[in-house]
Amino acid sequence: MRSWSIVVAAALGLSAAGTAAAAPGNLYEVLPGESLWTIAARTVGDPTLWPALYRANRDQIKDPSVLYPGQKLTIPAIDPSERQAVRREAEALGTR
């Protein structure tokens, strides 16, 4: 029988180990109802890193709270030393 963690991980698009569905540098196709917050959680493992996704895709995202199904977003590599600064930026901007 599958454990709940495996079922939840599959529902979020993660492996059982919690690895991201899209690796840095890859493209991620936005699904209906998704936000930068949910995509960051799914792809980089931390929803508070959504500003990094926004910066990497500013050419196609005018408002970070508005995404369209089918958009293809670049998943940036986020240096571990930058993560805390990105989290502070997210806190200052508010949840998206």
PDB file of N, CA and C in Angstrom:
ATOM      1  N   MET A   1       0.842  -1.175   0.000  1.00  0.00           N
ATOM      2  CA  MET A   1       0.000   0.000   0.000  1.00  0.00           C
ATOM      3  C   MET A   1       0.892   1.244   0.000  1.00  0.00           C
ATOM      4  N   ARG A   2       0.497   2.257  -0.770  1.00  0.00           N
ATOM      5  CA  ARG A   2       1.273   3.487  -0.857  1.00  0.00           C
ATOM      6  C   ARG A   2       1.062   4.338   0.391  1.00  0.00           C
ATOM      7  N   SER A   3       2.138   4.960   0.816  1.00  0.00           N
ATOM      8  CA  SER A   3       1.993   5.846   1.967  1.00  0.00           C
ATOM      9  C   SER A   3       1.388   7.169   1.512  1.00  0.00           C
ATOM     10  N   TRP A   4       0.799   7.912   2.441  1.00  0.00           N
ATOM     11  CA  TRP A   4       0.180   9.202   2.109  1.00  0.00           C
ATOM     12  C   TRP A   4       1.205  10.174   1.574  1.00  0.00           C
ATOM     13  N   SER A   5       2.441  10.103   2.068  1.00  0.00           N
ATOM     14  CA  SER A   5       3.454  11.043   1.581  1.00  0.00           C
ATOM     15  C   SER A   5       3.733  10.833   0.102  1.00  0.00           C
ATOM     16  N   ILE A   6       3.701   9.593  -0.356  1.00  0.00           N
ATOM     17  CA  ILE A   6       3.911   9.320  -1.774  1.00  0.00           C
ATOM     18  C   ILE A   6       2.729   9.829  -2.582  1.00  0.00           C
ATOM     19  N   VAL A   7       1.523   9.630  -2.093  1.00  0.00           N
ATOM     20  CA  VAL A   7       0.319  10.091  -2.786  1.00  0.00           C
ATOM     21  C   VAL A   7       0.311  11.612  -2.870  1.00  0.00           C
ATOM     22  N   VAL A   8       0.626  12.284  -1.756  1.00  0.00           N
ATOM     23  CA  VAL A   8       0.658  13.748  -1.743  1.00  0.00           C
ATOM     24  C   VAL A   8       1.760  14.253  -2.665  1.00  0.00           C
ATOM     25  N   ALA A   9       2.931  13.647  -2.610  1.00  0.00           N
ATOM     26  CA  ALA A   9       4.032  14.067  -3.481  1.00  0.00           C
ATOM     27  C   ALA A   9       3.642  13.923  -4.950  1.00  0.00           C
ATOM     28  N   ALA A  10       2.986  12.832  -5.287  1.00  0.00           N
ATOM     29  CA  ALA A  10       2.551  12.630  -6.674  1.00  0.00           C
ATOM     30  C   ALA A  10       1.537  13.694  -7.078  1.00  0.00           C
ATOM     31  N   ALA A  11       0.634  14.033  -6.180  1.00  0.00           N
ATOM     32  CA  ALA A  11      -0.370  15.054  -6.476  1.00  0.00           C
ATOM     33  C   ALA A  11       0.277  16.416  -6.693  1.00  0.00           C
ATOM     34  N   LEU A  12       1.395  16.674  -6.016  1.00  0.00           N
ATOM     35  CA  LEU A  12       2.098  17.946  -6.165  1.00  0.00           C
ATOM     36  C   LEU A  12       3.099  17.926  -7.314  1.00  0.00           C
ATOM     37  N   GLY A  13       3.228  16.780  -7.973  1.00  0.00           N
ATOM     38  CA  GLY A  13       4.184  16.684  -9.063  1.00  0.00           C
ATOM     39  C   GLY A  13       5.605  16.433  -8.589  1.00  0.00           C
ATOM     40  N   LEU A  14       5.754  15.902  -7.396  1.00  0.00           N
ATOM     41  CA  LEU A  14       7.067  15.612  -6.838  1.00  0.00           C
ATOM     42  C   LEU A  14       7.286  14.114  -6.798  1.00  0.00           C
ATOM     43  N   SER A  15       8.535  13.719  -6.734  1.00  0.00           N
ATOM     44  CA  SER A  15       8.825  12.311  -6.529  1.00  0.00           C
ATOM     45  C   SER A  15       8.612  11.997  -5.056  1.00  0.00           C
ATOM     46  N   ALA A  16       8.668  10.744  -4.714  1.00  0.00           N
ATOM     47  CA  ALA A  16       8.510  10.345  -3.309  1.00  0.00           C
ATOM     48  C   ALA A  16       9.604  10.974  -2.450  1.00  0.00           C
ATOM     49  N   ALA A  17      10.747  11.259  -3.046  1.00  0.00           N
ATOM     50  CA  ALA A  17      11.840  11.881  -2.303  1.00  0.00           C
ATOM     51  C   ALA A  17      11.664  13.390  -2.194  1.00  0.00           C
ATOM     52  N   GLY A  18      10.645  13.938  -2.873  1.00  0.00           N
ATOM     53  CA  GLY A  18      10.381  15.364  -2.785  1.00  0.00           C
ATOM     54  C   GLY A  18      11.160  16.194  -3.789  1.00  0.00           C
ATOM     55  N   THR A  19      11.729  15.552  -4.796  1.00  0.00           N
ATOM     56  CA  THR A  19      12.475  16.316  -5.788  1.00  0.00           C
ATOM     57  C   THR A  19      11.523  17.049  -6.721  1.00  0.00           C
ATOM     58  N   ALA A  20      12.026  18.097  -7.329  1.00  0.00           N
ATOM     59  CA  ALA A  20      11.196  18.971  -8.147  1.00  0.00           C
ATOM     60  C   ALA A  20      10.781  18.309  -9.445  1.00  0.00           C
ATOM     61  N   ALA A  21       9.603  18.704  -9.932  1.00  0.00           N
ATOM     62  CA  ALA A  21       9.088  18.202 -11.194  1.00  0.00           C
ATOM     63  C   ALA A  21       9.828  18.817 -12.373  1.00  0.00           C
ATOM     64  N   ALA A  22      10.410  19.995 -12.198  1.00  0.00           N
ATOM     65  CA  ALA A  22      11.180  20.655 -13.246  1.00  0.00           C
ATOM     66  C   ALA A  22      12.488  21.138 -12.639  1.00  0.00           C
ATOM     67  N   ALA A  23      13.577  20.795 -13.278  1.00  0.00           N
ATOM     68  CA  ALA A  23      14.890  21.183 -12.780  1.00  0.00           C
ATOM     69  C   ALA A  23      15.219  22.605 -13.209  1.00  0.00           C
ATOM     70  N   PRO A  24      16.099  23.290 -12.479  1.00  0.00           N
ATOM     71  CA  PRO A  24      16.510  24.630 -12.873  1.00  0.00           C
ATOM     72  C   PRO A  24      16.978  24.653 -14.328  1.00  0.00           C
ATOM     73  N   GLY A  25      16.592  25.691 -15.032  1.00  0.00           N
ATOM     74  CA  GLY A  25      16.946  25.820 -16.438  1.00  0.00           C
ATOM     75  C   GLY A  25      15.925  25.198 -17.372  1.00  0.00           C
ATOM     76  N   ASN A  26      15.069  24.354 -16.842  1.00  0.00           N
ATOM     77  CA  ASN A  26      14.032  23.736 -17.651  1.00  0.00           C
ATOM     78  C   ASN A  26      12.820  24.641 -17.761  1.00  0.00           C
ATOM     79  N   LEU A  27      11.943  24.308 -18.688  1.00  0.00           N
ATOM     80  CA  LEU A  27      10.688  25.025 -18.816  1.00  0.00           C
ATOM     81  C   LEU A  27       9.606  24.303 -18.040  1.00  0.00           C
ATOM     82  N   TYR A  28       8.693  25.076 -17.486  1.00  0.00           N
ATOM     83  CA  TYR A  28       7.562  24.535 -16.751  1.00  0.00           C
ATOM     84  C   TYR A  28       6.303  25.115 -17.361  1.00  0.00           C
ATOM     85  N   GLU A  29       5.355  24.266 -17.717  1.00  0.00           N
ATOM     86  CA  GLU A  29       4.095  24.733 -18.292  1.00  0.00           C
ATOM     87  C   GLU A  29       3.069  24.965 -17.189  1.00  0.00           C
ATOM     88  N   VAL A  30       2.555  26.193 -17.138  1.00  0.00           N
ATOM     89  CA  VAL A  30       1.591  26.584 -16.116  1.00  0.00           C
ATOM     90  C   VAL A  30       0.280  25.827 -16.322  1.00  0.00           C
ATOM     91  N   LEU A  31      -0.248  25.287 -15.236  1.00  0.00           N
ATOM     92  CA  LEU A  31      -1.521  24.583 -15.251  1.00  0.00           C
ATOM     93  C   LEU A  31      -2.617  25.506 -14.728  1.00  0.00           C
ATOM     94  N   PRO A  32      -3.879  25.228 -15.056  1.00  0.00           N
ATOM     95  CA  PRO A  32      -4.974  26.077 -14.560  1.00  0.00           C
ATOM     96  C   PRO A  32      -4.953  26.177 -13.035  1.00  0.00           C
ATOM     97  N   GLY A  33      -5.127  27.395 -12.533  1.00  0.00           N
ATOM     98  CA  GLY A  33      -5.201  27.626 -11.100  1.00  0.00           C
ATOM     99  C   GLY A  33      -3.865  27.772 -10.400  1.00  0.00           C
ATOM    100  N   GLU A  34      -2.761  27.640 -11.110  1.00  0.00           N
ATOM    101  CA  GLU A  34      -1.458  27.742 -10.465  1.00  0.00           C
ATOM    102  C   GLU A  34      -1.036  29.193 -10.276  1.00  0.00           C
ATOM    103  N   SER A  35      -0.166  29.396  -9.304  1.00  0.00           N
ATOM    104  CA  SER A  35       0.416  30.702  -9.024  1.00  0.00           C
ATOM    105  C   SER A  35       1.931  30.523  -8.953  1.00  0.00           C
ATOM    106  N   LEU A  36       2.640  31.634  -8.918  1.00  0.00           N
ATOM    107  CA  LEU A  36       4.085  31.531  -8.757  1.00  0.00           C
ATOM    108  C   LEU A  36       4.435  30.831  -7.456  1.00  0.00           C
ATOM    109  N   TRP A  37       3.622  31.057  -6.422  1.00  0.00           N
ATOM    110  CA  TRP A  37       3.811  30.410  -5.124  1.00  0.00           C
ATOM    111  C   TRP A  37       3.761  28.883  -5.270  1.00  0.00           C
ATOM    112  N   THR A  38       2.719  28.373  -5.928  1.00  0.00           N
ATOM    113  CA  THR A  38       2.579  26.916  -6.058  1.00  0.00           C
ATOM    114  C   THR A  38       3.632  26.343  -6.997  1.00  0.00           C
ATOM    115  N   ILE A  39       3.987  27.097  -8.030  1.00  0.00           N
ATOM    116  CA  ILE A  39       5.010  26.608  -8.963  1.00  0.00           C
ATOM    117  C   ILE A  39       6.377  26.566  -8.284  1.00  0.00           C
ATOM    118  N   ALA A  40       6.680  27.586  -7.476  1.00  0.00           N
ATOM    119  CA  ALA A  40       7.955  27.576  -6.742  1.00  0.00           C
ATOM    120  C   ALA A  40       8.011  26.394  -5.776  1.00  0.00           C
ATOM    121  N   ALA A  41       6.900  26.119  -5.118  1.00  0.00           N
ATOM    122  CA  ALA A  41       6.859  24.973  -4.209  1.00  0.00           C
ATOM    123  C   ALA A  41       7.128  23.682  -4.973  1.00  0.00           C
ATOM    124  N   ARG A  42       6.545  23.566  -6.140  1.00  0.00           N
ATOM    125  CA  ARG A  42       6.661  22.348  -6.938  1.00  0.00           C
ATOM    126  C   ARG A  42       8.036  22.198  -7.579  1.00  0.00           C
ATOM    127  N   THR A  43       8.624  23.289  -8.032  1.00  0.00           N
ATOM    128  CA  THR A  43       9.838  23.178  -8.838  1.00  0.00           C
ATOM    129  C   THR A  43      11.133  23.411  -8.076  1.00  0.00           C
ATOM    130  N   VAL A  44      11.136  24.355  -7.147  1.00  0.00           N
ATOM    131  CA  VAL A  44      12.361  24.634  -6.398  1.00  0.00           C
ATOM    132  C   VAL A  44      12.251  24.213  -4.944  1.00  0.00           C
ATOM    133  N   GLY A  45      11.092  23.684  -4.564  1.00  0.00           N
ATOM    134  CA  GLY A  45      10.919  23.120  -3.234  1.00  0.00           C
ATOM    135  C   GLY A  45      10.621  24.107  -2.122  1.00  0.00           C
ATOM    136  N   ASP A  46      10.367  25.380  -2.478  1.00  0.00           N
ATOM    137  CA  ASP A  46      10.102  26.379  -1.453  1.00  0.00           C
ATOM    138  C   ASP A  46       9.217  27.473  -2.055  1.00  0.00           C
ATOM    139  N   PRO A  47       7.969  27.572  -1.620  1.00  0.00           N
ATOM    140  CA  PRO A  47       7.063  28.554  -2.227  1.00  0.00           C
ATOM    141  C   PRO A  47       7.496  29.999  -2.017  1.00  0.00           C
ATOM    142  N   THR A  48       8.281  30.267  -0.957  1.00  0.00           N
ATOM    143  CA  THR A  48       8.694  31.645  -0.705  1.00  0.00           C
ATOM    144  C   THR A  48       9.766  32.129  -1.684  1.00  0.00           C
ATOM    145  N   LEU A  49      10.222  31.259  -2.568  1.00  0.00           N
ATOM    146  CA  LEU A  49      11.200  31.644  -3.580  1.00  0.00           C
ATOM    147  C   LEU A  49      10.541  32.088  -4.884  1.00  0.00           C
ATOM    148  N   TRP A  50       9.219  32.333  -4.849  1.00  0.00           N
ATOM    149  CA  TRP A  50       8.503  32.733  -6.066  1.00  0.00           C
ATOM    150  C   TRP A  50       9.064  33.989  -6.724  1.00  0.00           C
ATOM    151  N   PRO A  51       9.653  34.983  -5.995  1.00  0.00           N
ATOM    152  CA  PRO A  51      10.188  36.151  -6.698  1.00  0.00           C
ATOM    153  C   PRO A  51      11.289  35.802  -7.707  1.00  0.00           C
ATOM    154  N   ALA A  52      12.045  34.746  -7.429  1.00  0.00           N
ATOM    155  CA  ALA A  52      13.088  34.329  -8.368  1.00  0.00           C
ATOM    156  C   ALA A  52      12.468  33.853  -9.680  1.00  0.00           C
ATOM    157  N   LEU A  53      11.341  33.153  -9.601  1.00  0.00           N
ATOM    158  CA  LEU A  53      10.648  32.725 -10.818  1.00  0.00           C
ATOM    159  C   LEU A  53      10.103  33.933 -11.573  1.00  0.00           C
ATOM    160  N   TYR A  54       9.571  34.890 -10.829  1.00  0.00           N
ATOM    161  CA  TYR A  54       9.054  36.110 -11.450  1.00  0.00           C
ATOM    162  C   TYR A  54      10.167  36.852 -12.185  1.00  0.00           C
ATOM    163  N   ARG A  55      11.294  37.057 -11.523  1.00  0.00           N
ATOM    164  CA  ARG A  55      12.412  37.764 -12.165  1.00  0.00           C
ATOM    165  C   ARG A  55      12.890  37.042 -13.414  1.00  0.00           C
ATOM    166  N   ALA A  56      12.941  35.723 -13.362  1.00  0.00           N
ATOM    167  CA  ALA A  56      13.430  34.942 -14.501  1.00  0.00           C
ATOM    168  C   ALA A  56      12.468  34.965 -15.687  1.00  0.00           C
ATOM    169  N   ASN A  57      11.226  35.375 -15.440  1.00  0.00           N
ATOM    170  CA  ASN A  57      10.212  35.323 -16.504  1.00  0.00           C
ATOM    171  C   ASN A  57       9.499  36.656 -16.722  1.00  0.00           C
ATOM    172  N   ARG A  58      10.132  37.755 -16.330  1.00  0.00           N
ATOM    173  CA  ARG A  58       9.511  39.075 -16.467  1.00  0.00           C
ATOM    174  C   ARG A  58       9.150  39.425 -17.901  1.00  0.00           C
ATOM    175  N   ASP A  59       9.822  38.812 -18.855  1.00  0.00           N
ATOM    176  CA  ASP A  59       9.503  39.088 -20.256  1.00  0.00           C
ATOM    177  C   ASP A  59       8.089  38.650 -20.618  1.00  0.00           C
ATOM    178  N   GLN A  60       7.513  37.737 -19.862  1.00  0.00           N
ATOM    179  CA  GLN A  60       6.157  37.265 -20.168  1.00  0.00           C
ATOM    180  C   GLN A  60       5.172  37.389 -19.010  1.00  0.00           C
ATOM    181  N   ILE A  61       5.651  37.821 -17.843  1.00  0.00           N
ATOM    182  CA  ILE A  61       4.756  38.017 -16.694  1.00  0.00           C
ATOM    183  C   ILE A  61       4.744  39.501 -16.361  1.00  0.00           C
ATOM    184  N   LYS A  62       3.626  40.156 -16.608  1.00  0.00           N
ATOM    185  CA  LYS A  62       3.494  41.582 -16.282  1.00  0.00           C
ATOM    186  C   LYS A  62       3.124  41.773 -14.813  1.00  0.00           C
ATOM    187  N   ASP A  63       2.224  40.945 -14.324  1.00  0.00           N
ATOM    188  CA  ASP A  63       1.734  41.004 -12.945  1.00  0.00           C
ATOM    189  C   ASP A  63       2.000  39.638 -12.326  1.00  0.00           C
ATOM    190  N   PRO A  64       2.804  39.557 -11.266  1.00  0.00           N
ATOM    191  CA  PRO A  64       3.144  38.247 -10.706  1.00  0.00           C
ATOM    192  C   PRO A  64       1.955  37.477 -10.137  1.00  0.00           C
ATOM    193  N   SER A  65       0.824  38.130  -9.981  1.00  0.00           N
ATOM    194  CA  SER A  65      -0.347  37.408  -9.476  1.00  0.00           C
ATOM    195  C   SER A  65      -1.229  36.883 -10.607  1.00  0.00           C
ATOM    196  N   VAL A  66      -0.818  37.112 -11.860  1.00  0.00           N
ATOM    197  CA  VAL A  66      -1.623  36.668 -13.006  1.00  0.00           C
ATOM    198  C   VAL A  66      -0.774  35.777 -13.909  1.00  0.00           C
ATOM    199  N   LEU A  67      -1.133  34.506 -13.951  1.00  0.00           N
ATOM    200  CA  LEU A  67      -0.501  33.550 -14.855  1.00  0.00           C
ATOM    201  C   LEU A  67      -1.575  32.955 -15.739  1.00  0.00           C
ATOM    202  N   TYR A  68      -1.171  32.460 -16.887  1.00  0.00           N
ATOM    203  CA  TYR A  68      -2.120  31.873 -17.828  1.00  0.00           C
ATOM    204  C   TYR A  68      -1.757  30.417 -18.086  1.00  0.00           C
ATOM    205  N   PRO A  69      -2.754  29.532 -18.054  1.00  0.00           N
ATOM    206  CA  PRO A  69      -2.479  28.128 -18.382  1.00  0.00           C
ATOM    207  C   PRO A  69      -1.796  28.041 -19.742  1.00  0.00           C
ATOM    208  N   GLY A  70      -0.785  27.208 -19.798  1.00  0.00           N
ATOM    209  CA  GLY A  70      -0.053  27.014 -21.044  1.00  0.00           C
ATOM    210  C   GLY A  70       1.209  27.871 -21.140  1.00  0.00           C
ATOM    211  N   GLN A  71       1.331  28.906 -20.306  1.00  0.00           N
ATOM    212  CA  GLN A  71       2.569  29.684 -20.303  1.00  0.00           C
ATOM    213  C   GLN A  71       3.720  28.753 -19.977  1.00  0.00           C
ATOM    214  N   LYS A  72       4.837  28.980 -20.611  1.00  0.00           N
ATOM    215  CA  LYS A  72       6.025  28.180 -20.331  1.00  0.00           C
ATOM    216  C   LYS A  72       7.033  29.073 -19.611  1.00  0.00           C
ATOM    217  N   LEU A  73       7.280  28.742 -18.356  1.00  0.00           N
ATOM    218  CA  LEU A  73       8.170  29.527 -17.515  1.00  0.00           C
ATOM    219  C   LEU A  73       9.519  28.840 -17.370  1.00  0.00           C
ATOM    220  N   THR A  74      10.568  29.631 -17.376  1.00  0.00           N
ATOM    221  CA  THR A  74      11.911  29.124 -17.113  1.00  0.00           C
ATOM    222  C   THR A  74      12.077  28.985 -15.605  1.00  0.00           C
ATOM    223  N   ILE A  75      12.584  27.854 -15.183  1.00  0.00           N
ATOM    224  CA  ILE A  75      12.856  27.625 -13.768  1.00  0.00           C
ATOM    225  C   ILE A  75      14.318  27.985 -13.531  1.00  0.00           C
ATOM    226  N   PRO A  76      14.566  29.057 -12.755  1.00  0.00           N
ATOM    227  CA  PRO A  76      15.945  29.494 -12.561  1.00  0.00           C
ATOM    228  C   PRO A  76      16.680  28.651 -11.517  1.00  0.00           C
ATOM    229  N   ALA A  77      17.976  28.618 -11.668  1.00  0.00           N
ATOM    230  CA  ALA A  77      18.804  28.041 -10.604  1.00  0.00           C
ATOM    231  C   ALA A  77      18.918  29.122  -9.534  1.00  0.00           C
ATOM    232  N   ILE A  78      18.690  28.760  -8.287  1.00  0.00           N
ATOM    233  CA  ILE A  78      18.766  29.725  -7.191  1.00  0.00           C
ATOM    234  C   ILE A  78      19.907  29.303  -6.282  1.00  0.00           C
ATOM    235  N   ASP A  79      20.923  30.116  -6.265  1.00  0.00           N
ATOM    236  CA  ASP A  79      22.094  29.834  -5.451  1.00  0.00           C
ATOM    237  C   ASP A  79      21.688  29.779  -3.975  1.00  0.00           C
ATOM    238  N   PRO A  80      22.160  28.785  -3.245  1.00  0.00           N
ATOM    239  CA  PRO A  80      21.798  28.687  -1.823  1.00  0.00           C
ATOM    240  C   PRO A  80      22.088  29.968  -1.033  1.00  0.00           C
ATOM    241  N   SER A  81      23.127  30.699  -1.413  1.00  0.00           N
ATOM    242  CA  SER A  81      23.462  31.933  -0.698  1.00  0.00           C
ATOM    243  C   SER A  81      22.454  33.052  -0.978  1.00  0.00           C
ATOM    244  N   GLU A  82      21.669  32.931  -2.046  1.00  0.00           N
ATOM    245  CA  GLU A  82      20.671  33.938  -2.409  1.00  0.00           C
ATOM    246  C   GLU A  82      19.293  33.654  -1.825  1.00  0.00           C
ATOM    247  N   ARG A  83      19.066  32.458  -1.354  1.00  0.00           N
ATOM    248  CA  ARG A  83      17.723  32.054  -0.938  1.00  0.00           C
ATOM    249  C   ARG A  83      17.124  32.935   0.152  1.00  0.00           C
ATOM    250  N   GLN A  84      17.909  33.297   1.153  1.00  0.00           N
ATOM    251  CA  GLN A  84      17.366  34.115   2.242  1.00  0.00           C
ATOM    252  C   GLN A  84      16.969  35.492   1.734  1.00  0.00           C
ATOM    253  N   ALA A  85      17.751  36.081   0.848  1.00  0.00           N
ATOM    254  CA  ALA A  85      17.409  37.391   0.286  1.00  0.00           C
ATOM    255  C   ALA A  85      16.122  37.304  -0.526  1.00  0.00           C
ATOM    256  N   VAL A  86      15.935  36.220  -1.270  1.00  0.00           N
ATOM    257  CA  VAL A  86      14.714  36.040  -2.061  1.00  0.00           C
ATOM    258  C   VAL A  86      13.519  35.869  -1.129  1.00  0.00           C
ATOM    259  N   ARG A  87      13.695  35.149  -0.033  1.00  0.00           N
ATOM    260  CA  ARG A  87      12.608  34.982   0.944  1.00  0.00           C
ATOM    261  C   ARG A  87      12.208  36.323   1.556  1.00  0.00           C
ATOM    262  N   ARG A  88      13.200  37.166   1.863  1.00  0.00           N
ATOM    263  CA  ARG A  88      12.900  38.504   2.404  1.00  0.00           C
ATOM    264  C   ARG A  88      12.142  39.338   1.366  1.00  0.00           C
ATOM    265  N   GLU A  89      12.530  39.213   0.113  1.00  0.00           N
ATOM    266  CA  GLU A  89      11.830  39.920  -0.964  1.00  0.00           C
ATOM    267  C   GLU A  89      10.381  39.462  -1.040  1.00  0.00           C
ATOM    268  N   ALA A  90      10.152  38.158  -0.946  1.00  0.00           N
ATOM    269  CA  ALA A  90       8.791  37.616  -0.993  1.00  0.00           C
ATOM    270  C   ALA A  90       7.970  38.159   0.169  1.00  0.00           C
ATOM    271  N   GLU A  91       8.572  38.224   1.341  1.00  0.00           N
ATOM    272  CA  GLU A  91       7.874  38.732   2.522  1.00  0.00           C
ATOM    273  C   GLU A  91       7.498  40.203   2.327  1.00  0.00           C
ATOM    274  N   ALA A  92       8.398  40.985   1.750  1.00  0.00           N
ATOM    275  CA  ALA A  92       8.130  42.397   1.520  1.00  0.00           C
ATOM    276  C   ALA A  92       7.030  42.601   0.470  1.00  0.00           C
ATOM    277  N   LEU A  93       6.999  41.719  -0.533  1.00  0.00           N
ATOM    278  CA  LEU A  93       6.013  41.842  -1.612  1.00  0.00           C
ATOM    279  C   LEU A  93       4.665  41.231  -1.259  1.00  0.00           C
ATOM    280  N   GLY A  94       4.657  40.304  -0.334  1.00  0.00           N
ATOM    281  CA  GLY A  94       3.416  39.601   0.017  1.00  0.00           C
ATOM    282  C   GLY A  94       3.306  38.310  -0.756  1.00  0.00           C
ATOM    283  N   THR A  95       2.426  37.452  -0.312  1.00  0.00           N
ATOM    284  CA  THR A  95       2.218  36.149  -0.936  1.00  0.00           C
ATOM    285  C   THR A  95       1.516  36.308  -2.273  1.00  0.00           C
ATOM    286  N   ARG A  96       1.983  35.554  -3.253  1.00  0.00           N
ATOM    287  CA  ARG A  96       1.375  35.586  -4.587  1.00  0.00           C
ATOM    288  C   ARG A  96       0.755  34.249  -4.868  1.00  0.00           C
TER     289      ARG A  96
END
